[in-house]
C-alpha atoms as a PDB file:
ATOM      1  CA  MET A   1     -57.710   3.977  11.326  1.00  0.00           C
ATOM      2  CA  SER A   2     -54.573   5.422  10.178  1.00  0.00           C
ATOM      3  CA  GLN A   3     -51.429   3.231   9.974  1.00  0.00           C
ATOM      4  CA  GLN A   4     -47.932   4.639  11.377  1.00  0.00           C
ATOM      5  CA  GLN A   5     -45.401   5.107   8.559  1.00  0.00           C
ATOM      6  CA  PRO A   6     -42.225   2.918   8.916  1.00  0.00           C
ATOM      7  CA  ARG A   7     -38.580   4.341  10.048  1.00  0.00           C
ATOM      8  CA  LYS A   8     -36.559   4.874   7.362  1.00  0.00           C
ATOM      9  CA  PRO A   9     -32.956   3.405   8.404  1.00  0.00           C
ATOM     10  CA  GLU A  10     -30.319   6.032   9.353  1.00  0.00           C
ATOM     11  CA  GLU A  11     -28.059   6.589   6.514  1.00  0.00           C
ATOM     12  CA  GLU A  12     -25.259   4.761   6.365  1.00  0.00           C
ATOM     13  CA  GLU A  13     -22.135   7.139   6.427  1.00  0.00           C
ATOM     14  CA  ALA A  14     -18.264   6.403   6.197  1.00  0.00           C
ATOM     15  CA  ILE A  15     -16.203   5.522   8.264  1.00  0.00           C
ATOM     16  CA  LYS A  16     -13.442   8.411   8.933  1.00  0.00           C
ATOM     17  CA  TYR A  17     -10.229   8.581  10.495  1.00  0.00           C
ATOM     18  CA  GLY A  18     -11.711  10.032  13.095  1.00  0.00           C
ATOM     19  CA  ASP A  19     -14.059   7.193  13.687  1.00  0.00           C
ATOM     20  CA  VAL A  20     -10.799   4.962  14.010  1.00  0.00           C
ATOM     21  CA  PHE A  21      -8.373   7.103  15.557  1.00  0.00           C
ATOM     22  CA  ASP A  22      -7.896   9.867  18.039  1.00  0.00           C
ATOM     23  CA  VAL A  23      -7.031  12.734  15.820  1.00  0.00           C
ATOM     24  CA  GLN A  24      -8.548  16.222  14.936  1.00  0.00           C
ATOM     25  CA  GLY A  25      -9.098  18.548  12.184  1.00  0.00           C
ATOM     26  CA  LYS A  26      -9.678  18.057   8.652  1.00  0.00           C
ATOM     27  CA  LEU A  27      -7.769  14.242   8.963  1.00  0.00           C
ATOM     28  CA  ALA A  28     -11.048  13.347  11.333  1.00  0.00           C
ATOM     29  CA  GLU A  29     -12.875  14.202   8.768  1.00  0.00           C
ATOM     30  CA  LYS A  30     -12.130  12.361   6.003  1.00  0.00           C
ATOM     31  CA  PRO A  31     -13.081   8.501   4.623  1.00  0.00           C
ATOM     32  CA  VAL A  32     -10.262   6.042   5.003  1.00  0.00           C
ATOM     33  CA  ALA A  33      -9.060   4.948   1.688  1.00  0.00           C
ATOM     34  CA  PRO A  34      -7.771   1.599   0.425  1.00  0.00           C
ATOM     35  CA  LYS A  35      -4.352   3.328  -0.817  1.00  0.00           C
ATOM     36  CA  ASP A  36      -3.839   5.110   2.352  1.00  0.00           C
ATOM     37  CA  ALA A  37      -4.391   1.605   4.062  1.00  0.00           C
ATOM     38  CA  ALA A  38      -1.887   0.018   1.618  1.00  0.00           C
ATOM     39  CA  MET A  39       0.801   2.520   2.446  1.00  0.00           C
ATOM     40  CA  MET A  40       0.252   1.992   6.282  1.00  0.00           C
ATOM     41  CA  GLN A  41       1.080  -1.910   5.684  1.00  0.00           C
ATOM     42  CA  MET A  42       4.122  -1.038   3.732  1.00  0.00           C
ATOM     43  CA  ALA A  43       5.605   1.400   6.474  1.00  0.00           C
ATOM     44  CA  GLU A  44       4.899  -1.162   9.316  1.00  0.00           C
ATOM     45  CA  ASN A  45       6.546  -4.011   7.507  1.00  0.00           C
ATOM     46  CA  ALA A  46       9.566  -2.040   6.399  1.00  0.00           C
ATOM     47  CA  LEU A  47       9.693  -1.640  10.454  1.00  0.00           C
ATOM     48  CA  LEU A  48       7.978  -4.492  11.906  1.00  0.00           C
ATOM     49  CA  GLY A  49       8.943  -7.105   9.740  1.00  0.00           C
ATOM     50  CA  GLU A  50       4.946  -7.539   9.999  1.00  0.00           C
ATOM     51  CA  THR A  51       1.664  -5.844   9.278  1.00  0.00           C
ATOM     52  CA  LYS A  52       0.555  -6.390  13.369  1.00  0.00           C
ATOM     53  CA  LYS A  53      -3.052  -6.987  14.106  1.00  0.00           C
ATOM     54  CA  GLY A  54      -4.512  -4.236  16.159  1.00  0.00           C
ATOM     55  CA  CYS A  55      -1.721  -1.663  14.560  1.00  0.00           C
ATOM     56  CA  ALA A  56      -2.942   0.707  12.528  1.00  0.00           C
ATOM     57  CA  ALA A  57      -2.615  -0.735   9.449  1.00  0.00           C
ATOM     58  CA  ALA A  58      -4.971  -3.494  10.627  1.00  0.00           C
ATOM     59  CA  ALA A  59      -7.636  -1.028  11.789  1.00  0.00           C
ATOM     60  CA  MET A  60      -7.053   0.901   8.418  1.00  0.00           C
ATOM     61  CA  VAL A  61      -7.504  -2.099   6.120  1.00  0.00           C
ATOM     62  CA  SER A  62     -10.904  -3.234   7.431  1.00  0.00           C
ATOM     63  CA  ALA A  63     -12.417   0.371   7.964  1.00  0.00           C
ATOM     64  CA  ALA A  64     -10.886   0.683   4.026  1.00  0.00           C
ATOM     65  CA  MET A  65     -12.772  -2.461   2.854  1.00  0.00           C
ATOM     66  CA  LYS A  66     -16.508  -1.183   4.416  1.00  0.00           C
ATOM     67  CA  ASN A  67     -15.818   2.122   3.261  1.00  0.00           C
ATOM     68  CA  GLU A  68     -15.048   0.684  -0.150  1.00  0.00           C
ATOM     69  CA  LYS A  69     -17.635  -2.196  -0.289  1.00  0.00           C
ATOM     70  CA  ALA A  70     -20.373   0.569   0.297  1.00  0.00           C
ATOM     71  CA  ARG A  71     -19.492   2.597  -2.203  1.00  0.00           C
ATOM     72  CA  PHE A  72     -17.640   5.801  -0.587  1.00  0.00           C
ATOM     73  CA  VAL A  73     -14.597   5.383  -1.816  1.00  0.00           C
ATOM     74  CA  GLY A  74     -12.685   3.902  -4.600  1.00  0.00           C
ATOM     75  CA  HIS A  75     -10.254   1.037  -5.404  1.00  0.00           C
ATOM     76  CA  GLU A  76      -7.377   3.498  -5.679  1.00  0.00           C
ATOM     77  CA  ASP A  77      -8.758   6.208  -3.873  1.00  0.00           C
ATOM     78  CA  VAL A  78      -5.905   8.156  -1.338  1.00  0.00           C
ATOM     79  CA  ASN A  79      -7.039  10.881   1.510  1.00  0.00           C
ATOM     80  CA  VAL A  80      -3.834  11.324   3.196  1.00  0.00           C
ATOM     81  CA  ASP A  81      -1.844  14.722   2.090  1.00  0.00           C
ATOM     82  CA  SER A  82       1.206  14.357   4.048  1.00  0.00           C
ATOM     83  CA  GLY A  83       1.481  10.587   3.831  1.00  0.00           C
ATOM     84  CA  VAL A  84       1.691   8.015   6.650  1.00  0.00           C
ATOM     85  CA  THR A  85       5.308   7.374   8.816  1.00  0.00           C
ATOM     86  CA  VAL A  86       6.419   4.481  11.463  1.00  0.00           C
ATOM     87  CA  GLU A  87       9.411   5.774  13.271  1.00  0.00           C
ATOM     88  CA  GLU A  88      11.303   4.112  16.083  1.00  0.00           C
ATOM     89  CA  THR A  89      12.836   5.738  18.460  1.00  0.00           C
ATOM     90  CA  GLN A  90      15.449   3.998  21.329  1.00  0.00           C
ATOM     91  CA  LEU A  91      14.801   4.960  24.918  1.00  0.00           C
ATOM     92  CA  ALA A  92      16.122   3.523  27.817  1.00  0.00           C
ATOM     93  CA  GLY A  93      16.535   0.012  26.491  1.00  0.00           C
ATOM     94  CA  LYS A  94      12.968   0.169  24.691  1.00  0.00           C
ATOM     95  CA  ARG A  95      12.207   0.099  21.353  1.00  0.00           C
ATOM     96  CA  ILE A  96       9.156   2.838  20.872  1.00  0.00           C
ATOM     97  CA  ILE A  97       6.982   2.599  17.872  1.00  0.00           C
ATOM     98  CA  THR A  98       4.919   5.934  16.465  1.00  0.00           C
ATOM     99  CA  GLU A  99       2.600   5.538  13.934  1.00  0.00           C
ATOM    100  CA  SER A 100       1.571   8.798  12.174  1.00  0.00           C
ATOM    101  CA  ILE A 101      -0.840  10.043   9.471  1.00  0.00           C
ATOM    102  CA  ASP A 102      -0.606  13.658   7.965  1.00  0.00           C
ATOM    103  CA  ASN A 103       2.154  14.170  10.996  1.00  0.00           C
ATOM    104  CA  GLU A 104      -0.424  13.394  13.389  1.00  0.00           C
ATOM    105  CA  VAL A 105       0.107  11.063  16.301  1.00  0.00           C
ATOM    106  CA  ILE A 106      -2.487   7.995  15.776  1.00  0.00           C
ATOM    107  CA  GLY A 107      -0.391   5.261  18.400  1.00  0.00           C
ATOM    108  CA  GLN A 108       3.106   4.926  20.199  1.00  0.00           C
ATOM    109  CA  TYR A 109       4.073   1.931  21.785  1.00  0.00           C
ATOM    110  CA  SER A 110       6.812   0.228  23.099  1.00  0.00           C
ATOM    111  CA  GLN A 111       8.014  -3.536  21.982  1.00  0.00           C
ATOM    112  CA  ALA A 112       7.052  -4.644  25.927  1.00  0.00           C
ATOM    113  CA  ALA A 113       4.070  -3.211  25.889  1.00  0.00           C
ATOM    114  CA  PRO A 114       1.817  -0.151  24.553  1.00  0.00           C
ATOM    115  CA  LEU A 115       2.501   3.475  25.836  1.00  0.00           C
ATOM    116  CA  THR A 116      -0.631   5.239  24.318  1.00  0.00           C
ATOM    117  CA  SER A 117      -4.018   4.312  21.928  1.00  0.00           C
ATOM    118  CA  GLY A 118      -6.496   5.409  20.374  1.00  0.00           C
ATOM    119  CA  PRO A 119      -9.330   3.718  19.470  1.00  0.00           C
ATOM    120  CA  TYR A 120      -9.050   0.228  18.557  1.00  0.00           C
ATOM    121  CA  LEU A 121      -5.286   0.466  18.250  1.00  0.00           C
ATOM    122  CA  SER A 122      -3.674  -1.872  21.193  1.00  0.00           C
ATOM    123  CA  CYS A 123      -0.274  -2.922  19.161  1.00  0.00           C
ATOM    124  CA  GLU A 124       2.252  -5.174  21.041  1.00  0.00           C
ATOM    125  CA  GLN A 125       5.243  -7.133  20.025  1.00  0.00           C
ATOM    126  CA  SER A 126       7.307  -9.316  21.852  1.00  0.00           C
ATOM    127  CA  GLU A 127      11.025  -8.192  23.222  1.00  0.00           C
ATOM    128  CA  GLU A 128      12.091 -11.626  20.844  1.00  0.00           C
ATOM    129  CA  GLU A 129      10.368 -10.435  17.974  1.00  0.00           C
ATOM    130  CA  GLY A 130      12.420  -7.889  15.094  1.00  0.00           C
ATOM    131  CA  GLY A 131      11.858  -5.129  12.805  1.00  0.00           C
ATOM    132  CA  GLY A 132      12.215  -5.581   9.340  1.00  0.00           C
ATOM    133  CA  GLY A 133      14.406  -3.846   7.125  1.00  0.00           C
ATOM    134  CA  PRO A 134      13.604  -1.197   4.108  1.00  0.00           C
ATOM    135  CA  ILE A 135      10.846  -1.991   1.522  1.00  0.00           C
ATOM    136  CA  THR A 136      12.165  -3.623  -1.235  1.00  0.00           C
ATOM    137  CA  ILE A 137      11.517  -3.302  -5.012  1.00  0.00           C
ATOM    138  CA  GLY A 138       9.868  -6.804  -5.022  1.00  0.00           C
ATOM    139  CA  GLU A 139       7.453  -5.500  -1.980  1.00  0.00           C
ATOM    140  CA  ALA A 140       6.624  -2.721  -3.533  1.00  0.00           C
ATOM    141  CA  LEU A 141       4.950  -4.587  -6.595  1.00  0.00           C
ATOM    142  CA  GLU A 142       2.966  -6.864  -4.640  1.00  0.00           C
ATOM    143  CA  ALA A 143       2.130  -3.827  -2.476  1.00  0.00           C
ATOM    144  CA  THR A 144       0.226  -2.759  -6.045  1.00  0.00           C
ATOM    145  CA  ALA A 145      -1.708  -5.453  -6.232  1.00  0.00           C
ATOM    146  CA  LEU A 146      -3.440  -4.053  -3.113  1.00  0.00           C
ATOM    147  CA  THR A 147      -3.175  -0.537  -4.711  1.00  0.00           C
ATOM    148  CA  ALA A 148      -4.115  -0.961  -8.082  1.00  0.00           C
ATOM    149  CA  GLY A 149      -4.972  -4.983  -8.341  1.00  0.00           C
ATOM    150  CA  ASN A 150      -8.262  -4.660  -9.949  1.00  0.00           C
ATOM    151  CA  LYS A 151      -6.728  -2.706 -12.953  1.00  0.00           C
ATOM    152  CA  PRO A 152      -5.960  -4.982 -16.496  1.00  0.00           C
ATOM    153  CA  VAL A 153      -2.572  -5.331 -16.934  1.00  0.00           C
ATOM    154  CA  GLU A 154      -1.291  -2.999 -20.127  1.00  0.00           C
ATOM    155  CA  TRP A 155       1.935  -2.294 -21.920  1.00  0.00           C
ATOM    156  CA  SER A 156       2.680   0.285 -19.759  1.00  0.00           C
ATOM    157  CA  ASP A 157       2.654  -1.557 -16.253  1.00  0.00           C
ATOM    158  CA  ALA A 158       4.742  -4.194 -18.282  1.00  0.00           C
ATOM    159  CA  ALA A 159       7.541  -2.100 -18.914  1.00  0.00           C
ATOM    160  CA  ALA A 160       7.255  -0.390 -15.236  1.00  0.00           C
ATOM    161  CA  ILE A 161       7.154  -3.874 -13.603  1.00  0.00           C
ATOM    162  CA  GLN A 162      10.126  -5.161 -16.315  1.00  0.00           C
ATOM    163  CA  ALA A 163      11.907  -1.885 -15.064  1.00  0.00           C
ATOM    164  CA  ALA A 164      11.361  -2.478 -11.281  1.00  0.00           C
ATOM    165  CA  GLU A 165      12.733  -6.290 -12.282  1.00  0.00           C
ATOM    166  CA  VAL A 166      15.478  -5.236 -13.904  1.00  0.00           C
ATOM    167  CA  ARG A 167      16.707  -2.828 -10.398  1.00  0.00           C
ATOM    168  CA  ALA A 168      16.040  -5.725  -8.267  1.00  0.00           C
ATOM    169  CA  THR A 169      17.768  -8.317  -9.866  1.00  0.00           C
ATOM    170  CA  GLY A 170      20.708  -6.863 -11.453  1.00  0.00           C
ATOM    171  CA  ARG A 171      19.549  -8.437 -14.807  1.00  0.00           C
ATOM    172  CA  THR A 172      19.775  -6.698 -18.034  1.00  0.00           C
ATOM    173  CA  SER A 173      17.195  -9.352 -20.099  1.00  0.00           C
ATOM    174  CA  ILE A 174      14.000 -10.975 -18.685  1.00  0.00           C
ATOM    175  CA  MET A 175      13.975 -13.912 -16.723  1.00  0.00           C
ATOM    176  CA  PRO A 176      11.945 -16.768 -17.907  1.00  0.00           C
ATOM    177  CA  GLY A 177       8.652 -17.437 -15.658  1.00  0.00           C
ATOM    178  CA  GLY A 178       9.567 -14.225 -13.947  1.00  0.00           C
ATOM    179  CA  VAL A 179       7.608 -11.359 -13.347  1.00  0.00           C
ATOM    180  CA  ALA A 180       8.314  -8.888 -15.610  1.00  0.00           C
ATOM    181  CA  ALA A 181       7.768 -12.456 -18.655  1.00  0.00           C
ATOM    182  CA  ALA A 182       4.158 -13.236 -16.792  1.00  0.00           C
ATOM    183  CA  ALA A 183       3.452  -8.938 -17.107  1.00  0.00           C
ATOM    184  CA  GLN A 184       4.470  -9.004 -21.190  1.00  0.00           C
ATOM    185  CA  SER A 185       2.293 -11.943 -21.093  1.00  0.00           C
ATOM    186  CA  ALA A 186      -0.358 -10.510 -19.742  1.00  0.00           C
ATOM    187  CA  ALA A 187      -0.376  -7.399 -21.470  1.00  0.00           C
ATOM    188  CA  THR A 188      -0.129  -9.205 -24.912  1.00  0.00           C
ATOM    189  CA  LEU A 189      -3.128 -11.390 -24.220  1.00  0.00           C
ATOM    190  CA  ASN A 190      -5.478  -8.390 -22.987  1.00  0.00           C
ATOM    191  CA  ALA A 191      -4.652  -6.435 -25.734  1.00  0.00           C
ATOM    192  CA  ARG A 192      -6.238  -9.010 -27.841  1.00  0.00           C
ATOM    193  CA  ALA A 193      -9.252  -9.943 -25.234  1.00  0.00           C
ATOM    194  CA  SER A 194     -12.810  -8.803 -26.035  1.00  0.00           C
ATOM    195  CA  ARG A 195     -14.172  -8.408 -22.432  1.00  0.00           C
ATOM    196  CA  GLU A 196     -13.172  -6.890 -20.046  1.00  0.00           C
ATOM    197  CA  GLU A 197     -13.507 -10.006 -17.544  1.00  0.00           C
ATOM    198  CA  GLU A 198     -11.032 -11.917 -19.695  1.00  0.00           C
ATOM    199  CA  LYS A 199      -8.268  -9.883 -18.971  1.00  0.00           C
ATOM    200  CA  THR A 200      -5.824 -10.070 -16.691  1.00  0.00           C
ATOM    201  CA  LYS A 201      -5.023  -7.706 -14.020  1.00  0.00           C
ATOM    202  CA  LEU A 202      -2.483  -6.546 -11.923  1.00  0.00           C
ATOM    203  CA  CYS A 203      -2.805  -8.714  -9.061  1.00  0.00           C
ATOM    204  CA  ASP A 204      -2.557 -11.711 -10.573  1.00  0.00           C
ATOM    205  CA  VAL A 205       1.002 -11.140 -12.034  1.00  0.00           C
ATOM    206  CA  LEU A 206       1.929  -8.876  -8.918  1.00  0.00           C
ATOM    207  CA  SER A 207       0.684 -11.227  -5.827  1.00  0.00           C
ATOM    208  CA  ASN A 208       3.912 -13.156  -5.130  1.00  0.00           C
ATOM    209  CA  ALA A 209       6.522 -10.644  -6.738  1.00  0.00           C
ATOM    210  CA  THR A 210       8.824 -11.184  -4.748  1.00  0.00           C
ATOM    211  CA  GLU A 211       9.502 -14.679  -4.661  1.00  0.00           C
ATOM    212  CA  ARG A 212       9.176 -14.401  -8.741  1.00  0.00           C
ATOM    213  CA  LEU A 213      12.149 -12.174  -8.947  1.00  0.00           C
ATOM    214  CA  GLY A 214      14.174 -14.419  -7.150  1.00  0.00           C
ATOM    215  CA  SER A 215      16.817 -11.620  -5.918  1.00  0.00           C
ATOM    216  CA  ASP A 216      15.422  -8.276  -4.420  1.00  0.00           C
ATOM    217  CA  LYS A 217      17.420  -5.184  -3.219  1.00  0.00           C
ATOM    218  CA  ALA A 218      15.784  -1.780  -1.113  1.00  0.00           C
ATOM    219  CA  ALA A 219      14.219   0.570  -3.772  1.00  0.00           C
ATOM    220  CA  THR A 220      15.759   4.096  -4.111  1.00  0.00           C
ATOM    221  CA  ARG A 221      14.546   6.962  -5.513  1.00  0.00           C
ATOM    222  CA  ARG A 222      16.752   6.453  -8.703  1.00  0.00           C
ATOM    223  CA  ASP A 223      14.673   3.005  -8.786  1.00  0.00           C
ATOM    224  CA  ALA A 224      11.522   4.579  -8.785  1.00  0.00           C
ATOM    225  CA  GLU A 225      12.730   7.273 -11.103  1.00  0.00           C
ATOM    226  CA  GLY A 226      13.824   4.765 -13.738  1.00  0.00           C
ATOM    227  CA  VAL A 227      10.525   2.376 -12.933  1.00  0.00           C
ATOM    228  CA  ALA A 228       8.208   5.524 -13.824  1.00  0.00           C
ATOM    229  CA  VAL A 229      10.174   6.941 -16.860  1.00  0.00           C
ATOM    230  CA  ALA A 230       9.559   3.164 -18.114  1.00  0.00           C
ATOM    231  CA  GLU A 231       5.926   3.400 -17.670  1.00  0.00           C
ATOM    232  CA  LEU A 232       5.367   7.184 -18.928  1.00  0.00           C
ATOM    233  CA  ARG A 233       7.341   5.585 -22.227  1.00  0.00           C
ATOM    234  CA  ASN A 234       5.096   3.336 -23.400  1.00  0.00           C
ATOM    235  CA  ASP A 235       1.448   5.140 -22.212  1.00  0.00           C
ATOM    236  CA  PRO A 236      -0.442   6.447 -24.762  1.00  0.00           C
ATOM    237  CA  THR A 237      -1.422   9.634 -22.754  1.00  0.00           C
ATOM    238  CA  LEU A 238       2.366   9.838 -21.189  1.00  0.00           C
ATOM    239  CA  THR A 239       1.030   9.654 -17.490  1.00  0.00           C
ATOM    240  CA  THR A 240       1.759   7.458 -14.780  1.00  0.00           C
ATOM    241  CA  HIS A 241      -1.197   5.482 -12.861  1.00  0.00           C
ATOM    242  CA  PRO A 242      -1.946   7.798  -9.696  1.00  0.00           C
ATOM    243  CA  ALA A 243      -2.177   3.811  -7.760  1.00  0.00           C
ATOM    244  CA  GLY A 244       0.211   1.564 -10.521  1.00  0.00           C
ATOM    245  CA  VAL A 245       3.414   0.700 -10.385  1.00  0.00           C
ATOM    246  CA  SER A 246       5.736   3.804 -10.287  1.00  0.00           C
ATOM    247  CA  ALA A 247       3.940   5.066  -7.585  1.00  0.00           C
ATOM    248  CA  SER A 248       4.422   1.859  -5.285  1.00  0.00           C
ATOM    249  CA  VAL A 249       8.031   1.773  -5.752  1.00  0.00           C
ATOM    250  CA  THR A 250       8.034   5.293  -5.279  1.00  0.00           C
ATOM    251  CA  ALA A 251       6.482   5.528  -1.991  1.00  0.00           C
ATOM    252  CA  ALA A 252       8.615   2.451  -0.770  1.00  0.00           C
ATOM    253  CA  ALA A 253      11.678   4.587  -1.824  1.00  0.00           C
ATOM    254  CA  ARG A 254      10.419   7.476  -0.112  1.00  0.00           C
ATOM    255  CA  LEU A 255       9.304   5.608   2.766  1.00  0.00           C
ATOM    256  CA  ASN A 256      13.156   3.777   2.815  1.00  0.00           C
ATOM    257  CA  ASP A 257      14.649   7.409   2.973  1.00  0.00           C
ATOM    258  CA  GLN A 258      12.332   8.489   6.190  1.00  0.00           C
ATOM    259  CA  ILE A 259      13.577   4.814   7.701  1.00  0.00           C
ATOM    260  CA  SER A 260      17.419   6.088   7.136  1.00  0.00           C
ATOM    261  CA  LYS A 261      16.973   9.198   8.345  1.00  0.00           C
END
């Protein structure tokens, strides 16, 4: 009597943008990546003051975490070409929020009630709640803890963080107990560490950057350029990390430009 061969389980697939949002074309076929989700978080925080449950960022973070856990994407991957936007329009006394990825609208809603939504997107905001302002340098540093948190702190990171602290606080010297001091200490210890697991990571230094800065300011293009130069000059290969400190400050400055238009 022959035995029936057991069926192989269906091969797991990455969660794509077309699975999460009502989008078409190339975007629909792209897996949701961690850096994409972090960018949307920053954009929502800038306009809404926080990441709203049920909005695009929450859905993207969930999908990106699953994709990374299944090794479909890396922690520093980015799959959007034209970036993300969260825009506000005032119409008949209502605040209408539109969220887009690669210039494709993925969700639109008002403060009082949702207007339209794709799969998993039913974002509501009460009339009493206000939105946030532009993204600060401190918030950009904290975003780096999401986009490159597992990266060991190196001299280039410490230099970029110091440049960011100077621009955020207006101080020319390193603050004792501040984020730049912590980054320099971490870079020094990491240079002496013999094992990778002993090294201090960016997430250890930057997770509460806003609090440790003391004072803060909105990120501008000039701030982004200064931070990028500091990171470049202190990197052995004269390059910046694609998801590192200068990349986050640059992204914040770009989003701030969009908000101010």
